[in-house]
Amino acid sequence: MTEPTIRCGNDPRAQLTDGDRKAFEDFQAFLRAKQQWPRSFRLIQPEGRCLHGVEFPSGRVVLDHAEDGLVCAAVSMEQLLAAPDMQGAIVERPEETQHGL
């Protein structure tokens, strides 16, 4: 008589299926994404104006126009830099500069 096929995570004889491996990898990726922190940056416009912003783990960005009392947001850094008033802007991040803010 054969044993019924019962899957238990505590059974050392149980082997992972491809679906199990995929679920495990997806969960690991989910946990890694939860551990990410927003990243600050400075955006230097061609005329020299410096704006501060934050890029979230989702890829969305928020830019503070402190002098104007405005905030703008974009779904990605690429979209932000594609805006007409951002052409030629340079993005600086603390971990990429010598100052390491």
N, C-alpha and C. Protein backbone atom coordinates (compact mmCIF):
# COMPACT_ATOMS: atom_id res chain seq x y z
N MET A 1 0.84 -1.17 0.00
CA MET A 1 0.00 0.00 0.00
C MET A 1 0.88 1.24 0.00
N THR A 2 0.56 2.22 -0.83
CA THR A 2 1.37 3.43 -0.93
C THR A 2 0.82 4.50 0.02
N GLU A 3 1.74 5.35 0.45
CA GLU A 3 1.35 6.44 1.33
C GLU A 3 0.63 7.52 0.52
N PRO A 4 -0.35 8.17 1.12
CA PRO A 4 -1.00 9.27 0.40
C PRO A 4 -0.02 10.42 0.19
N THR A 5 -0.25 11.17 -0.87
CA THR A 5 0.61 12.30 -1.16
C THR A 5 0.15 13.49 -0.34
N ILE A 6 0.82 13.68 0.78
CA ILE A 6 0.51 14.81 1.65
C ILE A 6 1.76 15.67 1.72
N ARG A 7 1.58 16.95 1.49
CA ARG A 7 2.73 17.86 1.49
C ARG A 7 2.76 18.57 2.83
N CYS A 8 3.90 18.49 3.46
CA CYS A 8 4.07 19.18 4.74
C CYS A 8 5.44 19.82 4.75
N GLY A 9 5.49 21.10 5.16
CA GLY A 9 6.75 21.82 5.18
C GLY A 9 7.75 21.25 6.17
N ASN A 10 7.27 20.46 7.13
CA ASN A 10 8.16 19.88 8.14
C ASN A 10 8.66 18.48 7.76
N ASP A 11 8.21 17.97 6.65
CA ASP A 11 8.60 16.63 6.22
C ASP A 11 9.91 16.73 5.46
N PRO A 12 11.01 16.19 5.99
CA PRO A 12 12.31 16.30 5.31
C PRO A 12 12.33 15.54 3.98
N ARG A 13 11.38 14.65 3.75
CA ARG A 13 11.33 13.90 2.50
C ARG A 13 10.61 14.67 1.40
N ALA A 14 9.88 15.72 1.78
CA ALA A 14 9.12 16.48 0.79
C ALA A 14 10.07 17.26 -0.11
N GLN A 15 9.80 17.24 -1.39
CA GLN A 15 10.62 17.98 -2.35
C GLN A 15 9.81 19.15 -2.88
N LEU A 16 10.49 20.26 -3.07
CA LEU A 16 9.82 21.45 -3.59
C LEU A 16 9.46 21.28 -5.05
N THR A 17 8.28 21.74 -5.38
CA THR A 17 7.88 21.75 -6.79
C THR A 17 8.34 23.07 -7.40
N ASP A 18 8.23 23.19 -8.71
CA ASP A 18 8.57 24.45 -9.37
C ASP A 18 7.70 25.59 -8.84
N GLY A 19 6.43 25.29 -8.59
CA GLY A 19 5.52 26.29 -8.03
C GLY A 19 5.95 26.73 -6.63
N ASP A 20 6.40 25.77 -5.82
CA ASP A 20 6.90 26.10 -4.48
C ASP A 20 8.12 27.01 -4.57
N ARG A 21 9.04 26.67 -5.47
CA ARG A 21 10.25 27.48 -5.63
C ARG A 21 9.90 28.90 -6.09
N LYS A 22 8.96 29.01 -7.01
CA LYS A 22 8.53 30.32 -7.51
C LYS A 22 7.90 31.14 -6.38
N ALA A 23 7.04 30.52 -5.59
CA ALA A 23 6.41 31.22 -4.46
C ALA A 23 7.47 31.68 -3.46
N PHE A 24 8.46 30.84 -3.20
CA PHE A 24 9.53 31.18 -2.27
C PHE A 24 10.36 32.35 -2.80
N GLU A 25 10.71 32.31 -4.09
CA GLU A 25 11.48 33.40 -4.70
C GLU A 25 10.70 34.70 -4.70
N ASP A 26 9.40 34.62 -5.01
CA ASP A 26 8.55 35.81 -4.98
C ASP A 26 8.49 36.41 -3.58
N PHE A 27 8.39 35.55 -2.58
CA PHE A 27 8.33 36.04 -1.20
C PHE A 27 9.66 36.68 -0.78
N GLN A 28 10.76 36.09 -1.20
CA GLN A 28 12.07 36.69 -0.90
C GLN A 28 12.19 38.06 -1.55
N ALA A 29 11.75 38.19 -2.80
CA ALA A 29 11.80 39.48 -3.49
C ALA A 29 10.91 40.50 -2.79
N PHE A 30 9.76 40.07 -2.32
CA PHE A 30 8.86 40.93 -1.57
C PHE A 30 9.54 41.44 -0.31
N LEU A 31 10.20 40.56 0.42
CA LEU A 31 10.89 40.97 1.65
C LEU A 31 12.04 41.92 1.35
N ARG A 32 12.79 41.67 0.28
CA ARG A 32 13.88 42.57 -0.08
C ARG A 32 13.35 43.96 -0.41
N ALA A 33 12.24 44.02 -1.13
CA ALA A 33 11.64 45.31 -1.48
C ALA A 33 11.18 46.06 -0.23
N LYS A 34 10.69 45.33 0.75
CA LYS A 34 10.23 45.97 1.99
C LYS A 34 11.41 46.54 2.78
N GLN A 35 12.60 46.00 2.58
CA GLN A 35 13.77 46.45 3.32
C GLN A 35 14.44 47.65 2.67
N GLN A 36 14.04 47.99 1.48
CA GLN A 36 14.65 49.12 0.80
C GLN A 36 14.20 50.42 1.43
N TRP A 37 15.07 51.39 1.39
CA TRP A 37 14.78 52.72 1.91
C TRP A 37 14.67 53.71 0.77
N PRO A 38 13.90 54.76 0.95
CA PRO A 38 13.91 55.83 -0.06
C PRO A 38 15.32 56.40 -0.16
N ARG A 39 15.67 56.88 -1.36
CA ARG A 39 17.01 57.44 -1.58
C ARG A 39 16.89 58.92 -1.90
N SER A 40 17.66 59.72 -1.21
CA SER A 40 17.65 61.15 -1.47
C SER A 40 18.55 61.47 -2.66
N PHE A 41 18.29 62.61 -3.28
CA PHE A 41 19.13 63.06 -4.38
C PHE A 41 19.01 64.58 -4.51
N ARG A 42 19.99 65.15 -5.19
CA ARG A 42 19.94 66.55 -5.60
C ARG A 42 19.88 66.57 -7.11
N LEU A 43 19.05 67.43 -7.63
CA LEU A 43 18.95 67.59 -9.07
C LEU A 43 19.46 68.99 -9.39
N ILE A 44 20.55 69.05 -10.15
CA ILE A 44 21.15 70.33 -10.53
C ILE A 44 20.69 70.65 -11.96
N GLN A 45 19.91 71.71 -12.09
CA GLN A 45 19.44 72.12 -13.40
C GLN A 45 20.56 72.84 -14.15
N PRO A 46 20.50 72.88 -15.48
CA PRO A 46 21.57 73.49 -16.28
C PRO A 46 21.90 74.93 -15.86
N GLU A 47 20.90 75.69 -15.42
CA GLU A 47 21.18 77.07 -15.02
C GLU A 47 21.77 77.15 -13.61
N GLY A 48 21.96 75.98 -12.95
CA GLY A 48 22.61 75.95 -11.65
C GLY A 48 21.69 75.81 -10.46
N ARG A 49 20.39 75.87 -10.69
CA ARG A 49 19.44 75.73 -9.59
C ARG A 49 19.50 74.31 -9.03
N CYS A 50 19.51 74.21 -7.70
CA CYS A 50 19.62 72.91 -7.02
C CYS A 50 18.27 72.58 -6.37
N LEU A 51 17.71 71.44 -6.72
CA LEU A 51 16.46 70.97 -6.14
C LEU A 51 16.73 69.66 -5.42
N HIS A 52 16.03 69.43 -4.32
CA HIS A 52 16.21 68.20 -3.54
C HIS A 52 15.02 67.29 -3.75
N GLY A 53 15.29 65.99 -3.75
CA GLY A 53 14.21 65.04 -3.98
C GLY A 53 14.46 63.71 -3.31
N VAL A 54 13.46 62.86 -3.44
CA VAL A 54 13.50 61.51 -2.88
C VAL A 54 12.99 60.54 -3.94
N GLU A 55 13.69 59.42 -4.09
CA GLU A 55 13.24 58.35 -4.97
C GLU A 55 12.84 57.18 -4.08
N PHE A 56 11.61 56.72 -4.23
CA PHE A 56 11.08 55.64 -3.40
C PHE A 56 11.39 54.29 -4.01
N PRO A 57 11.37 53.21 -3.20
CA PRO A 57 11.66 51.89 -3.74
C PRO A 57 10.76 51.50 -4.92
N SER A 58 9.57 52.09 -5.00
CA SER A 58 8.67 51.82 -6.12
C SER A 58 9.17 52.43 -7.42
N GLY A 59 10.16 53.35 -7.33
CA GLY A 59 10.66 54.05 -8.50
C GLY A 59 10.10 55.45 -8.63
N ARG A 60 9.02 55.75 -7.91
CA ARG A 60 8.44 57.08 -7.96
C ARG A 60 9.38 58.09 -7.31
N VAL A 61 9.32 59.32 -7.81
CA VAL A 61 10.18 60.38 -7.28
C VAL A 61 9.33 61.60 -6.90
N VAL A 62 9.80 62.31 -5.89
CA VAL A 62 9.19 63.57 -5.47
C VAL A 62 10.31 64.59 -5.43
N LEU A 63 10.05 65.76 -5.98
CA LEU A 63 11.04 66.82 -6.07
C LEU A 63 10.49 68.06 -5.37
N ASP A 64 11.29 68.64 -4.49
CA ASP A 64 10.88 69.81 -3.71
C ASP A 64 11.38 71.09 -4.37
N HIS A 65 10.46 71.94 -4.79
CA HIS A 65 10.79 73.26 -5.31
C HIS A 65 10.60 74.23 -4.15
N ALA A 66 11.51 74.22 -3.20
CA ALA A 66 11.34 74.97 -1.95
C ALA A 66 11.14 76.47 -2.19
N GLU A 67 11.88 77.03 -3.13
CA GLU A 67 11.77 78.47 -3.37
C GLU A 67 10.39 78.87 -3.88
N ASP A 68 9.75 77.96 -4.63
CA ASP A 68 8.44 78.25 -5.20
C ASP A 68 7.30 77.74 -4.33
N GLY A 69 7.64 76.97 -3.30
CA GLY A 69 6.61 76.37 -2.46
C GLY A 69 5.86 75.25 -3.17
N LEU A 70 6.51 74.60 -4.12
CA LEU A 70 5.88 73.55 -4.90
C LEU A 70 6.58 72.21 -4.69
N VAL A 71 5.85 71.17 -4.98
CA VAL A 71 6.39 69.82 -5.00
C VAL A 71 5.90 69.18 -6.28
N CYS A 72 6.78 68.47 -6.97
CA CYS A 72 6.32 67.73 -8.15
C CYS A 72 6.68 66.27 -7.97
N ALA A 73 5.94 65.42 -8.65
CA ALA A 73 6.17 63.98 -8.55
C ALA A 73 6.13 63.37 -9.94
N ALA A 74 6.81 62.25 -10.08
CA ALA A 74 6.83 61.52 -11.34
C ALA A 74 6.86 60.03 -11.02
N VAL A 75 6.42 59.22 -11.96
CA VAL A 75 6.40 57.77 -11.72
C VAL A 75 7.78 57.14 -11.81
N SER A 76 8.76 57.88 -12.36
CA SER A 76 10.12 57.36 -12.43
C SER A 76 11.10 58.52 -12.61
N MET A 77 12.36 58.24 -12.33
CA MET A 77 13.40 59.24 -12.54
C MET A 77 13.50 59.57 -14.03
N GLU A 78 13.34 58.58 -14.88
CA GLU A 78 13.41 58.80 -16.32
C GLU A 78 12.32 59.78 -16.77
N GLN A 79 11.11 59.60 -16.23
CA GLN A 79 10.03 60.51 -16.60
C GLN A 79 10.31 61.92 -16.10
N LEU A 80 10.84 62.04 -14.90
CA LEU A 80 11.18 63.35 -14.36
C LEU A 80 12.20 64.05 -15.24
N LEU A 81 13.25 63.34 -15.62
CA LEU A 81 14.32 63.94 -16.43
C LEU A 81 13.89 64.21 -17.87
N ALA A 82 12.79 63.61 -18.30
CA ALA A 82 12.28 63.85 -19.65
C ALA A 82 11.44 65.13 -19.73
N ALA A 83 11.10 65.71 -18.58
CA ALA A 83 10.30 66.93 -18.57
C ALA A 83 11.10 68.06 -19.23
N PRO A 84 10.42 68.95 -19.97
CA PRO A 84 11.12 70.01 -20.70
C PRO A 84 12.04 70.87 -19.83
N ASP A 85 11.62 71.19 -18.61
CA ASP A 85 12.46 72.04 -17.76
C ASP A 85 13.57 71.28 -17.05
N MET A 86 13.67 69.98 -17.29
CA MET A 86 14.72 69.17 -16.66
C MET A 86 15.76 68.70 -17.66
N GLN A 87 15.64 69.10 -18.91
CA GLN A 87 16.60 68.69 -19.94
C GLN A 87 18.01 69.13 -19.55
N GLY A 88 18.94 68.20 -19.51
CA GLY A 88 20.32 68.51 -19.17
C GLY A 88 20.60 68.54 -17.67
N ALA A 89 19.61 68.22 -16.85
CA ALA A 89 19.81 68.22 -15.40
C ALA A 89 20.71 67.06 -14.98
N ILE A 90 21.41 67.25 -13.88
CA ILE A 90 22.32 66.23 -13.34
C ILE A 90 21.77 65.77 -12.00
N VAL A 91 21.72 64.46 -11.80
CA VAL A 91 21.26 63.88 -10.54
C VAL A 91 22.49 63.48 -9.72
N GLU A 92 22.55 63.97 -8.48
CA GLU A 92 23.62 63.60 -7.54
C GLU A 92 23.01 62.90 -6.35
N ARG A 93 23.65 61.82 -5.92
CA ARG A 93 23.20 61.09 -4.72
C ARG A 93 24.31 61.12 -3.69
N PRO A 94 23.94 61.15 -2.40
CA PRO A 94 24.96 61.24 -1.35
C PRO A 94 26.02 60.15 -1.44
N GLU A 95 25.61 58.93 -1.74
CA GLU A 95 26.57 57.82 -1.77
C GLU A 95 27.46 57.86 -3.00
N GLU A 96 27.14 58.73 -3.96
CA GLU A 96 27.93 58.82 -5.18
C GLU A 96 28.81 60.05 -5.22
N THR A 97 28.77 60.87 -4.19
CA THR A 97 29.58 62.09 -4.16
C THR A 97 30.71 61.93 -3.15
N GLN A 98 31.68 62.79 -3.25
CA GLN A 98 32.80 62.76 -2.30
C GLN A 98 32.38 63.25 -0.93
N HIS A 99 31.34 64.08 -0.90
CA HIS A 99 30.92 64.66 0.38
C HIS A 99 30.17 63.66 1.24
N GLY A 100 29.44 62.73 0.61
CA GLY A 100 28.70 61.71 1.34
C GLY A 100 27.79 62.27 2.40
N LEU A 101 26.91 63.16 2.03
CA LEU A 101 26.01 63.83 2.98
C LEU A 101 25.39 62.90 3.96
